[in-house]
Amino acid sequence: MYAVATTAELDAAIAAGAVAVTDDYELVMASEAIDAVLEVTGSIHYAGQVVVAALAAGKHVIMMNAELDGTVGPILKTYADRAGVVLSTADGDQPGVLANLIRFVTSIGLEPLVAGNIKGLQDVNRTPETQRGFAEQWGQNVNMVTSFADGTRISFEQAIVANAFGMTVAKRGMNGANWTDHIDKAMALYDVDELVALGGVVDYVVGAQPGPGVYVFARHEDPLQQHYLNLYKLGTGPLYSFYTPYHLCHFEAPLSVARAVLLGDSVMSPRGGPLVDVVAIAKTDLAVGTVLDGLGGFHTYGEAERYAVSRREALLPIGLAEGCTMIRPVQKGSALSYADVSVPTDASATRFEPNKTSVGPPERLMRLVGFGEPIDPIERRLARRQTGRLGEIAPSMAVVADGASHSLRELLVVRKRLSIGERLSELRRRAVKTKWHHDCRVDVDSLE
């Protein structure tokens, strides 16, 4: 293992087959020996800078970071499309495992109506103090552990599944039933007609067996196929249960990198504009002057909400809450809105301005993580037709780092001919587009 300080040292380590370590992500972006970047920090601001830099450098990006994906995922996907690279969540993390299960269920002809996660604990009152012992026992970050326990993490995980497969939530926070029986029997919790009317929902249960894992409840309308599903011991319907009783994060994550680099395949990524948002809920009474802490802290937790509701009520995404100052009191259990907070004055935070009605939330998100101007959708579609020849020029993207704005060089992206994996991926995207009746690749303009 070598600590490297220059791109030349990094390339030399790679050529020697050695492990290289650096705290300067720009070295990675400048190296032509790097094909893909795996982002695993769970942060918002820093991770946004890394991912934007990777996309500008024409590298595939695999994120084990539902927090970033759930905050600006559709925008990141737009820039990935522009650069002609893959943006993907990771195999092994529960959203990735759930995505693989949804793909399987869909591939055998069923329609997924519930995409769920099996949790062992859910308590919105958990704080770093209550979780410190567990975190120390397992060598984990206490704020990360707290975000798992208070429901923030599950909200982000299910939001990105919804945004990838055109689903929604039945209500703010999802149903989240306590269910100690086998997951198959949890089908009784759902009304099929309601699920169909909603277009499918993401959800979770607490305590079900086998766990931890993920589940999909799906339907099939063909009487003949219903007969054979019953023959194969899946029951008489109207819902059929499929589940994966484990998620093996770091064992499976490398598969995502191979899928992106070798096959041009994304495990999962946003298929259009956001459908589900993760909004900040007060974990305690918040007085005027309180400076909000970060994810898994003492002040807020996240709940999944329909994006249309979040937008209409101007609710504050929890991914943007850290560092904001309360200018109005908010009671415990209430959702925070942009009108409740003022924005920090540091260089990175002032790149979004929630109190200016002339600037919509997507533009604020873009400024927060350091994006440049929105991509012209017509130009992007024309560029996508350049398959097999020299393609588009990636725009110069501003990245906020250490309080300064750095303009990355424009990069010429060569679009290679589609592989079999890419063709299959494109067919899947078209199938989703037909099924859910919206553009699979979001135009930044349409997020307004």
Protein backbone atom coordinates (compact mmCIF):
# COMPACT_ATOMS: atom_id res chain seq x y z
CA MET A 1 0.00 0.00 0.00
CA TYR A 2 1.40 3.38 -1.05
CA ALA A 3 0.46 6.92 -0.06
CA VAL A 4 0.59 9.00 -3.24
CA ALA A 5 0.76 12.77 -3.65
CA THR A 6 0.79 13.15 -7.44
CA THR A 7 -1.02 11.62 -10.38
CA ALA A 8 2.28 10.21 -11.63
CA GLU A 9 2.77 8.38 -8.31
CA LEU A 10 -0.80 7.10 -8.50
CA ASP A 11 -0.33 5.80 -12.05
CA ALA A 12 2.96 4.15 -11.07
CA ALA A 13 1.28 2.36 -8.15
CA ILE A 14 -1.51 1.15 -10.42
CA ALA A 15 1.00 -0.07 -13.00
CA ALA A 16 2.78 -2.02 -10.26
CA GLY A 17 -0.48 -3.62 -9.12
CA ALA A 18 -0.24 -1.91 -5.73
CA VAL A 19 -2.90 -0.25 -3.59
CA ALA A 20 -2.62 3.55 -3.64
CA VAL A 21 -4.02 5.84 -0.94
CA THR A 22 -4.62 9.59 -1.24
CA ASP A 23 -6.77 12.29 0.34
CA ASP A 24 -6.77 14.35 -2.88
CA TYR A 25 -9.57 13.19 -5.16
CA GLU A 26 -8.33 15.42 -7.98
CA LEU A 27 -5.40 13.01 -8.44
CA VAL A 28 -7.90 10.26 -9.17
CA MET A 29 -9.80 12.39 -11.66
CA ALA A 30 -6.62 13.32 -13.52
CA SER A 31 -5.47 9.70 -13.89
CA GLU A 32 -6.22 8.02 -17.21
CA ALA A 33 -5.66 4.67 -15.51
CA ILE A 34 -8.88 5.07 -13.50
CA ASP A 35 -12.09 4.01 -15.23
CA ALA A 36 -14.57 4.32 -12.36
CA VAL A 37 -15.02 5.97 -8.98
CA LEU A 38 -16.83 4.25 -6.09
CA GLU A 39 -18.23 6.90 -3.71
CA VAL A 40 -18.94 5.57 -0.20
CA THR A 41 -18.69 8.54 2.19
CA GLY A 42 -22.40 8.96 2.92
CA SER A 43 -21.86 12.73 2.87
CA ILE A 44 -23.69 15.33 0.78
CA HIS A 45 -21.43 18.35 0.24
CA TYR A 46 -18.07 16.56 -0.11
CA ALA A 47 -19.48 13.62 -2.04
CA GLY A 48 -21.20 16.02 -4.43
CA GLN A 49 -17.87 17.61 -5.26
CA VAL A 50 -16.25 14.22 -5.85
CA VAL A 51 -19.03 12.91 -8.08
CA VAL A 52 -19.23 16.10 -10.16
CA ALA A 53 -15.45 15.98 -10.66
CA ALA A 54 -15.60 12.31 -11.68
CA LEU A 55 -18.36 12.92 -14.22
CA ALA A 56 -16.49 15.90 -15.65
CA ALA A 57 -13.44 13.66 -16.05
CA GLY A 58 -15.49 11.10 -17.99
CA LYS A 59 -15.39 8.39 -15.32
CA HIS A 60 -18.17 6.01 -14.39
CA VAL A 61 -19.52 6.67 -10.89
CA ILE A 62 -20.89 4.01 -8.54
CA MET A 63 -22.46 5.39 -5.38
CA MET A 64 -22.95 3.56 -2.11
CA ASN A 65 -24.39 6.89 -0.97
CA ALA A 66 -28.18 6.98 -0.86
CA GLU A 67 -27.97 10.33 0.92
CA LEU A 68 -26.42 12.10 -2.07
CA ASP A 69 -28.52 10.15 -4.57
CA GLY A 70 -31.72 11.00 -2.69
CA THR A 71 -30.84 14.71 -2.64
CA VAL A 72 -29.52 15.42 -6.16
CA GLY A 73 -29.60 12.05 -7.94
CA PRO A 74 -31.70 13.14 -10.96
CA ILE A 75 -29.35 16.06 -11.59
CA LEU A 76 -26.28 13.84 -11.32
CA LYS A 77 -27.88 11.42 -13.78
CA THR A 78 -28.35 14.24 -16.26
CA TYR A 79 -24.66 15.09 -16.10
CA ALA A 80 -23.68 11.43 -16.38
CA ASP A 81 -25.78 11.15 -19.53
CA ARG A 82 -24.08 14.26 -20.87
CA ALA A 83 -20.64 12.80 -20.28
CA GLY A 84 -21.60 9.42 -21.77
CA VAL A 85 -20.77 7.53 -18.57
CA VAL A 86 -22.65 5.30 -16.14
CA LEU A 87 -24.07 6.57 -12.85
CA SER A 88 -25.12 3.69 -10.63
CA THR A 89 -25.98 2.71 -7.11
CA ALA A 90 -24.01 -0.21 -5.68
CA ASP A 91 -24.75 -3.90 -5.54
CA GLY A 92 -24.85 -5.15 -1.95
CA ASP A 93 -26.36 -2.02 -0.45
CA GLN A 94 -30.07 -2.61 0.12
CA PRO A 95 -31.29 -0.33 -2.71
CA GLY A 96 -29.03 -2.20 -5.12
CA VAL A 97 -30.22 -5.59 -3.88
CA LEU A 98 -33.80 -4.39 -4.20
CA ALA A 99 -33.14 -3.11 -7.72
CA ASN A 100 -31.79 -6.51 -8.76
CA LEU A 101 -34.86 -8.20 -7.29
CA ILE A 102 -37.22 -5.79 -9.08
CA ARG A 103 -35.42 -6.48 -12.35
CA PHE A 104 -35.81 -10.23 -11.82
CA VAL A 105 -39.50 -10.00 -10.95
CA THR A 106 -40.15 -7.75 -13.96
CA SER A 107 -38.14 -10.02 -16.26
CA ILE A 108 -40.41 -13.01 -15.54
CA GLY A 109 -43.50 -11.00 -16.39
CA LEU A 110 -44.84 -9.74 -13.07
CA GLU A 111 -45.61 -6.15 -12.13
CA PRO A 112 -43.91 -4.99 -8.89
CA LEU A 113 -46.35 -3.08 -6.69
CA VAL A 114 -44.41 -2.95 -3.41
CA ALA A 115 -40.64 -2.59 -3.12
CA GLY A 116 -39.75 -3.02 0.53
CA ASN A 117 -36.93 -3.13 3.04
CA ILE A 118 -36.79 -5.28 6.18
CA LYS A 119 -35.47 -3.38 9.20
CA GLY A 120 -34.62 -4.57 12.68
CA LEU A 121 -35.05 -1.20 14.43
CA GLN A 122 -36.85 2.09 13.82
CA ASP A 123 -37.02 4.83 16.47
CA VAL A 124 -37.10 8.49 15.48
CA ASN A 125 -35.92 9.48 18.97
CA ARG A 126 -32.48 7.88 18.61
CA THR A 127 -29.52 10.26 18.92
CA PRO A 128 -25.73 9.94 18.89
CA GLU A 129 -25.88 9.50 22.66
CA THR A 130 -28.20 6.49 22.50
CA GLN A 131 -26.19 4.90 19.67
CA ARG A 132 -22.65 5.60 20.89
CA GLY A 133 -22.16 2.22 22.56
CA PHE A 134 -23.23 0.28 19.48
CA ALA A 135 -21.07 2.44 17.23
CA GLU A 136 -17.99 1.92 19.40
CA GLN A 137 -18.62 -1.83 19.66
CA TRP A 138 -18.60 -2.25 15.88
CA GLY A 139 -16.14 0.50 14.97
CA GLN A 140 -18.79 2.54 13.15
CA ASN A 141 -19.38 6.27 12.76
CA VAL A 142 -21.90 7.24 15.44
CA ASN A 143 -23.82 9.67 13.20
CA MET A 144 -24.12 7.07 10.47
CA VAL A 145 -25.41 4.52 12.98
CA THR A 146 -27.90 7.06 14.32
CA SER A 147 -29.21 7.83 10.83
CA PHE A 148 -29.84 4.10 10.38
CA ALA A 149 -31.77 3.90 13.66
CA ASP A 150 -33.85 7.09 13.40
CA GLY A 151 -35.22 6.29 9.94
CA THR A 152 -33.25 8.78 7.88
CA ARG A 153 -31.24 6.16 6.03
CA ILE A 154 -34.22 3.96 5.16
CA SER A 155 -36.01 7.05 3.85
CA PHE A 156 -33.11 7.85 1.51
CA GLU A 157 -32.78 4.22 0.42
CA GLN A 158 -36.44 3.87 -0.47
CA ALA A 159 -36.60 7.31 -2.09
CA ILE A 160 -33.91 6.39 -4.61
CA VAL A 161 -35.68 3.10 -5.39
CA ALA A 162 -38.88 5.04 -6.03
CA ASN A 163 -37.07 7.52 -8.26
CA ALA A 164 -35.48 4.70 -10.25
CA PHE A 165 -38.63 2.61 -10.80
CA GLY A 166 -41.41 5.19 -10.97
CA MET A 167 -42.94 4.43 -7.57
CA THR A 168 -44.21 6.64 -4.74
CA VAL A 169 -44.98 6.49 -1.00
CA ALA A 170 -48.42 5.75 0.41
CA LYS A 171 -47.96 8.55 2.96
CA ARG A 172 -45.22 10.70 4.47
CA GLY A 173 -42.76 8.40 6.22
CA MET A 174 -44.15 5.29 4.43
CA ASN A 175 -46.31 2.73 6.26
CA GLY A 176 -43.45 1.15 8.19
CA ALA A 177 -45.47 -1.58 9.91
CA ASN A 178 -44.15 -3.64 12.81
CA TRP A 179 -44.30 -7.21 11.52
CA THR A 180 -42.67 -10.10 13.36
CA ASP A 181 -44.06 -12.90 11.16
CA HIS A 182 -42.60 -14.15 7.86
CA ILE A 183 -42.38 -11.52 5.16
CA ASP A 184 -44.66 -13.57 2.86
CA LYS A 185 -47.55 -12.94 5.23
CA ALA A 186 -46.99 -9.18 5.14
CA MET A 187 -48.82 -9.14 1.79
CA ALA A 188 -51.96 -8.90 3.95
CA LEU A 189 -50.95 -5.34 4.86
CA TYR A 190 -51.65 -4.05 1.36
CA ASP A 191 -54.72 -3.39 -0.78
CA VAL A 192 -53.97 -4.29 -4.39
CA ASP A 193 -56.39 -1.77 -5.90
CA GLU A 194 -54.78 1.02 -3.88
CA LEU A 195 -51.31 -0.08 -4.94
CA VAL A 196 -52.33 -0.11 -8.60
CA ALA A 197 -53.90 3.33 -8.29
CA LEU A 198 -50.67 4.69 -6.78
CA GLY A 199 -48.52 3.03 -9.46
CA GLY A 200 -46.57 1.01 -6.89
CA VAL A 201 -45.07 2.05 -3.56
CA VAL A 202 -41.83 1.80 -1.64
CA ASP A 203 -42.14 0.79 1.99
CA TYR A 204 -40.47 -1.06 4.88
CA VAL A 205 -41.41 -3.34 7.75
CA VAL A 206 -39.74 -3.72 11.14
CA GLY A 207 -38.91 -7.14 12.58
CA ALA A 208 -40.04 -9.44 9.76
CA GLN A 209 -38.37 -12.77 9.03
CA PRO A 210 -36.09 -13.55 7.34
CA GLY A 211 -34.11 -10.39 7.89
CA PRO A 212 -32.36 -8.22 7.20
CA GLY A 213 -33.19 -8.13 3.54
CA VAL A 214 -35.54 -6.77 0.91
CA TYR A 215 -38.84 -7.84 -0.62
CA VAL A 216 -41.02 -7.25 -3.67
CA PHE A 217 -44.75 -7.92 -3.79
CA ALA A 218 -45.96 -8.21 -7.38
CA ARG A 219 -49.04 -9.16 -9.36
CA HIS A 220 -49.71 -11.06 -12.58
CA GLU A 221 -53.01 -10.57 -14.44
CA ASP A 222 -52.77 -13.60 -16.72
CA PRO A 223 -54.96 -16.46 -15.31
CA LEU A 224 -52.72 -19.10 -16.86
CA GLN A 225 -49.60 -17.65 -15.26
CA GLN A 226 -51.47 -17.31 -11.97
CA HIS A 227 -52.16 -21.04 -12.20
CA TYR A 228 -48.47 -21.82 -12.60
CA LEU A 229 -47.37 -19.40 -9.88
CA ASN A 230 -49.68 -21.34 -7.57
CA LEU A 231 -48.23 -24.62 -8.84
CA TYR A 232 -44.74 -23.31 -7.97
CA LYS A 233 -45.90 -22.64 -4.39
CA LEU A 234 -46.20 -18.85 -4.59
CA GLY A 235 -49.88 -18.94 -3.70
CA THR A 236 -53.12 -17.87 -5.33
CA GLY A 237 -52.43 -14.13 -5.47
CA PRO A 238 -53.42 -11.43 -6.06
CA LEU A 239 -49.92 -10.58 -4.74
CA TYR A 240 -46.86 -12.81 -4.98
CA SER A 241 -43.91 -12.49 -2.63
CA PHE A 242 -40.24 -12.39 -3.60
CA TYR A 243 -37.43 -11.62 -1.18
CA THR A 244 -33.67 -11.62 -0.72
CA PRO A 245 -32.76 -12.30 2.94
CA TYR A 246 -29.34 -10.61 2.98
CA HIS A 247 -27.28 -7.71 1.64
CA LEU A 248 -23.53 -8.16 1.52
CA CYS A 249 -22.26 -4.63 0.98
CA HIS A 250 -18.52 -4.79 0.35
CA PHE A 251 -18.70 -8.33 -1.06
CA GLU A 252 -21.07 -7.26 -3.84
CA ALA A 253 -20.03 -3.66 -4.49
CA PRO A 254 -17.15 -4.61 -6.84
CA LEU A 255 -19.71 -6.28 -9.12
CA SER A 256 -21.25 -2.84 -9.68
CA VAL A 257 -17.93 -1.50 -10.90
CA ALA A 258 -17.57 -4.40 -13.34
CA ARG A 259 -21.11 -3.89 -14.61
CA ALA A 260 -20.45 -0.20 -15.27
CA VAL A 261 -17.01 -0.52 -16.85
CA LEU A 262 -17.37 -3.78 -18.78
CA LEU A 263 -21.07 -3.76 -19.69
CA GLY A 264 -22.12 -0.13 -19.49
CA ASP A 265 -24.84 -1.29 -17.10
CA SER A 266 -26.24 0.62 -14.13
CA VAL A 267 -27.55 -1.32 -11.13
CA MET A 268 -30.01 1.51 -10.56
CA SER A 269 -30.22 5.25 -11.25
CA PRO A 270 -32.96 7.90 -11.48
CA ARG A 271 -35.19 7.40 -14.51
CA GLY A 272 -36.66 10.90 -14.58
CA GLY A 273 -37.43 13.83 -12.33
CA PRO A 274 -37.74 13.16 -8.59
CA LEU A 275 -40.89 11.39 -7.42
CA VAL A 276 -39.95 10.99 -3.76
CA ASP A 277 -38.00 13.45 -1.62
CA VAL A 278 -36.55 13.10 1.90
CA VAL A 279 -37.64 16.01 4.08
CA ALA A 280 -36.33 17.18 7.46
CA ILE A 281 -38.49 16.49 10.53
CA ALA A 282 -37.77 18.05 13.92
CA LYS A 283 -36.40 15.44 16.32
CA THR A 284 -36.90 17.85 19.21
CA ASP A 285 -38.43 21.30 19.68
CA LEU A 286 -36.23 23.63 17.62
CA ALA A 287 -35.87 27.18 18.93
CA VAL A 288 -34.98 30.27 16.94
CA GLY A 289 -31.21 30.51 16.59
CA THR A 290 -30.59 26.74 16.59
CA VAL A 291 -27.93 25.79 14.04
CA LEU A 292 -28.98 22.44 12.61
CA ASP A 293 -26.56 19.56 12.84
CA GLY A 294 -26.07 16.90 10.17
CA LEU A 295 -27.57 13.53 9.31
CA GLY A 296 -27.85 11.23 12.30
CA GLY A 297 -27.63 14.12 14.74
CA PHE A 298 -29.72 15.56 17.58
CA HIS A 299 -31.95 17.97 15.65
CA THR A 300 -33.65 16.30 12.68
CA TYR A 301 -34.46 13.00 11.02
CA GLY A 302 -35.60 12.33 7.47
CA GLU A 303 -38.91 11.04 6.15
CA ALA A 304 -39.77 10.08 2.58
CA GLU A 305 -42.41 12.32 1.06
CA ARG A 306 -43.92 12.65 -2.41
CA TYR A 307 -41.91 15.22 -4.32
CA ALA A 308 -45.07 17.00 -5.47
CA VAL A 309 -46.02 17.58 -1.82
CA SER A 310 -42.50 18.56 -0.82
CA ARG A 311 -42.34 21.06 -3.66
CA ARG A 312 -45.81 22.49 -3.06
CA GLU A 313 -45.18 23.02 0.67
CA ALA A 314 -41.56 24.18 0.15
CA LEU A 315 -40.28 21.55 2.59
CA LEU A 316 -36.60 21.48 3.46
CA PRO A 317 -34.73 18.40 2.16
CA ILE A 318 -32.75 16.94 5.03
CA GLY A 319 -29.76 16.66 2.71
CA LEU A 320 -29.60 20.47 2.72
CA ALA A 321 -30.44 21.07 6.39
CA GLU A 322 -26.99 20.91 7.98
CA GLY A 323 -25.70 24.35 8.97
CA CYS A 324 -29.02 26.13 8.47
CA THR A 325 -30.16 28.41 11.31
CA MET A 326 -33.71 28.35 12.62
CA ILE A 327 -35.50 31.69 12.15
CA ARG A 328 -38.88 30.35 13.30
CA PRO A 329 -39.60 27.83 16.08
CA VAL A 330 -40.66 24.35 14.95
CA GLN A 331 -42.20 21.76 17.24
CA LYS A 332 -40.96 18.20 17.59
CA GLY A 333 -42.41 15.96 14.88
CA SER A 334 -43.13 18.79 12.42
CA ALA A 335 -41.61 19.11 8.96
CA LEU A 336 -39.24 22.01 8.36
CA SER A 337 -39.77 24.34 5.42
CA TYR A 338 -37.43 26.72 3.65
CA ALA A 339 -39.27 29.56 5.41
CA ASP A 340 -38.17 28.18 8.80
CA VAL A 341 -34.43 28.54 8.19
CA SER A 342 -31.73 30.90 7.02
CA VAL A 343 -28.80 29.74 4.98
CA PRO A 344 -25.23 29.63 6.30
CA THR A 345 -22.87 32.28 4.99
CA ASP A 346 -19.92 30.02 4.13
CA ALA A 347 -18.85 29.86 0.50
CA SER A 348 -20.36 26.50 -0.37
CA ALA A 349 -23.72 27.03 1.31
CA THR A 350 -24.34 30.42 -0.24
CA ARG A 351 -24.46 28.70 -3.62
CA PHE A 352 -28.12 27.98 -2.87
CA GLU A 353 -30.57 30.63 -1.74
CA PRO A 354 -33.82 29.13 -0.36
CA ASN A 355 -35.47 32.46 0.44
CA LYS A 356 -35.36 33.76 -3.14
CA THR A 357 -38.58 32.72 -4.80
CA SER A 358 -37.12 33.37 -8.22
CA VAL A 359 -34.74 30.46 -7.77
CA GLY A 360 -36.37 27.02 -7.67
CA PRO A 361 -35.09 24.15 -5.50
CA PRO A 362 -33.32 22.30 -8.37
CA GLU A 363 -31.21 25.35 -9.14
CA ARG A 364 -30.36 25.66 -5.46
CA LEU A 365 -29.30 22.03 -5.39
CA MET A 366 -27.10 22.56 -8.43
CA ARG A 367 -25.38 25.52 -6.82
CA LEU A 368 -24.96 23.66 -3.55
CA VAL A 369 -22.94 20.83 -5.08
CA GLY A 370 -21.21 23.06 -7.60
CA PHE A 371 -22.89 22.45 -10.95
CA GLY A 372 -22.64 24.82 -13.86
CA GLU A 373 -25.50 25.85 -16.10
CA PRO A 374 -28.31 23.36 -16.91
CA ILE A 375 -27.75 21.24 -19.98
CA ASP A 376 -29.77 22.09 -23.04
CA PRO A 377 -31.98 19.00 -23.57
CA ILE A 378 -31.99 19.28 -27.37
CA GLU A 379 -28.20 19.54 -27.45
CA ARG A 380 -27.94 16.49 -25.20
CA ARG A 381 -30.24 14.40 -27.37
CA LEU A 382 -28.32 15.37 -30.50
CA ALA A 383 -25.04 14.49 -28.80
CA ARG A 384 -26.39 11.10 -27.79
CA ARG A 385 -26.78 10.26 -31.48
CA GLN A 386 -23.01 10.51 -31.92
CA THR A 387 -22.56 6.85 -30.90
CA GLY A 388 -19.54 5.33 -32.62
CA ARG A 389 -17.72 8.59 -33.36
CA LEU A 390 -16.20 11.47 -31.47
CA GLY A 391 -18.99 12.68 -29.26
CA GLU A 392 -19.84 15.63 -27.12
CA ILE A 393 -17.67 18.03 -25.22
CA ALA A 394 -18.44 17.82 -21.50
CA PRO A 395 -19.16 21.31 -20.12
CA SER A 396 -16.81 23.00 -17.72
CA MET A 397 -18.21 22.28 -14.26
CA ALA A 398 -17.52 24.37 -11.18
CA VAL A 399 -16.61 22.41 -8.05
CA VAL A 400 -16.68 24.05 -4.64
CA ALA A 401 -13.66 23.07 -2.55
CA ASP A 402 -12.16 24.81 0.45
CA GLY A 403 -14.41 27.80 -0.05
CA ALA A 404 -13.31 28.46 -3.62
CA SER A 405 -14.80 27.66 -7.01
CA HIS A 406 -12.57 25.68 -9.33
CA SER A 407 -13.38 25.28 -13.02
CA LEU A 408 -12.48 21.83 -14.33
CA ARG A 409 -11.08 21.54 -17.81
CA GLU A 410 -13.38 20.69 -20.69
CA LEU A 411 -13.03 17.06 -21.58
CA LEU A 412 -13.51 15.35 -24.92
CA VAL A 413 -15.55 12.22 -24.42
CA VAL A 414 -15.24 9.42 -26.96
CA ARG A 415 -18.45 7.45 -27.22
CA LYS A 416 -17.65 3.82 -27.97
CA ARG A 417 -19.95 1.53 -29.88
CA LEU A 418 -22.68 0.02 -27.75
CA SER A 419 -21.81 -3.29 -26.11
CA ILE A 420 -24.37 -6.04 -25.63
CA GLY A 421 -24.77 -4.96 -22.02
CA GLU A 422 -25.41 -1.37 -23.06
CA ARG A 423 -28.00 -2.50 -25.60
CA LEU A 424 -29.78 -4.53 -22.92
CA SER A 425 -29.62 -1.56 -20.57
CA GLU A 426 -31.12 0.69 -23.25
CA LEU A 427 -33.92 -1.80 -23.85
CA ARG A 428 -34.65 -1.83 -20.12
CA ARG A 429 -34.73 1.98 -20.05
CA ARG A 430 -37.17 2.03 -22.96
CA ALA A 431 -39.36 -0.54 -21.24
CA VAL A 432 -39.49 1.58 -18.11
CA LYS A 433 -40.24 4.66 -20.19
CA THR A 434 -43.21 2.90 -21.81
CA LYS A 435 -44.46 1.49 -18.53
CA TRP A 436 -44.28 4.60 -16.43
CA HIS A 437 -45.06 7.16 -19.15
CA HIS A 438 -42.28 9.62 -18.44
CA ASP A 439 -38.88 10.42 -19.87
CA CYS A 440 -36.28 8.09 -18.42
CA ARG A 441 -33.51 10.64 -18.62
CA VAL A 442 -34.36 13.81 -16.77
CA ASP A 443 -33.80 17.22 -18.31
CA VAL A 444 -32.64 19.61 -15.63
CA ASP A 445 -35.13 22.16 -16.95
CA SER A 446 -38.02 19.76 -16.27
CA LEU A 447 -37.20 19.56 -12.55
CA GLU A 448 -38.83 22.96 -12.18
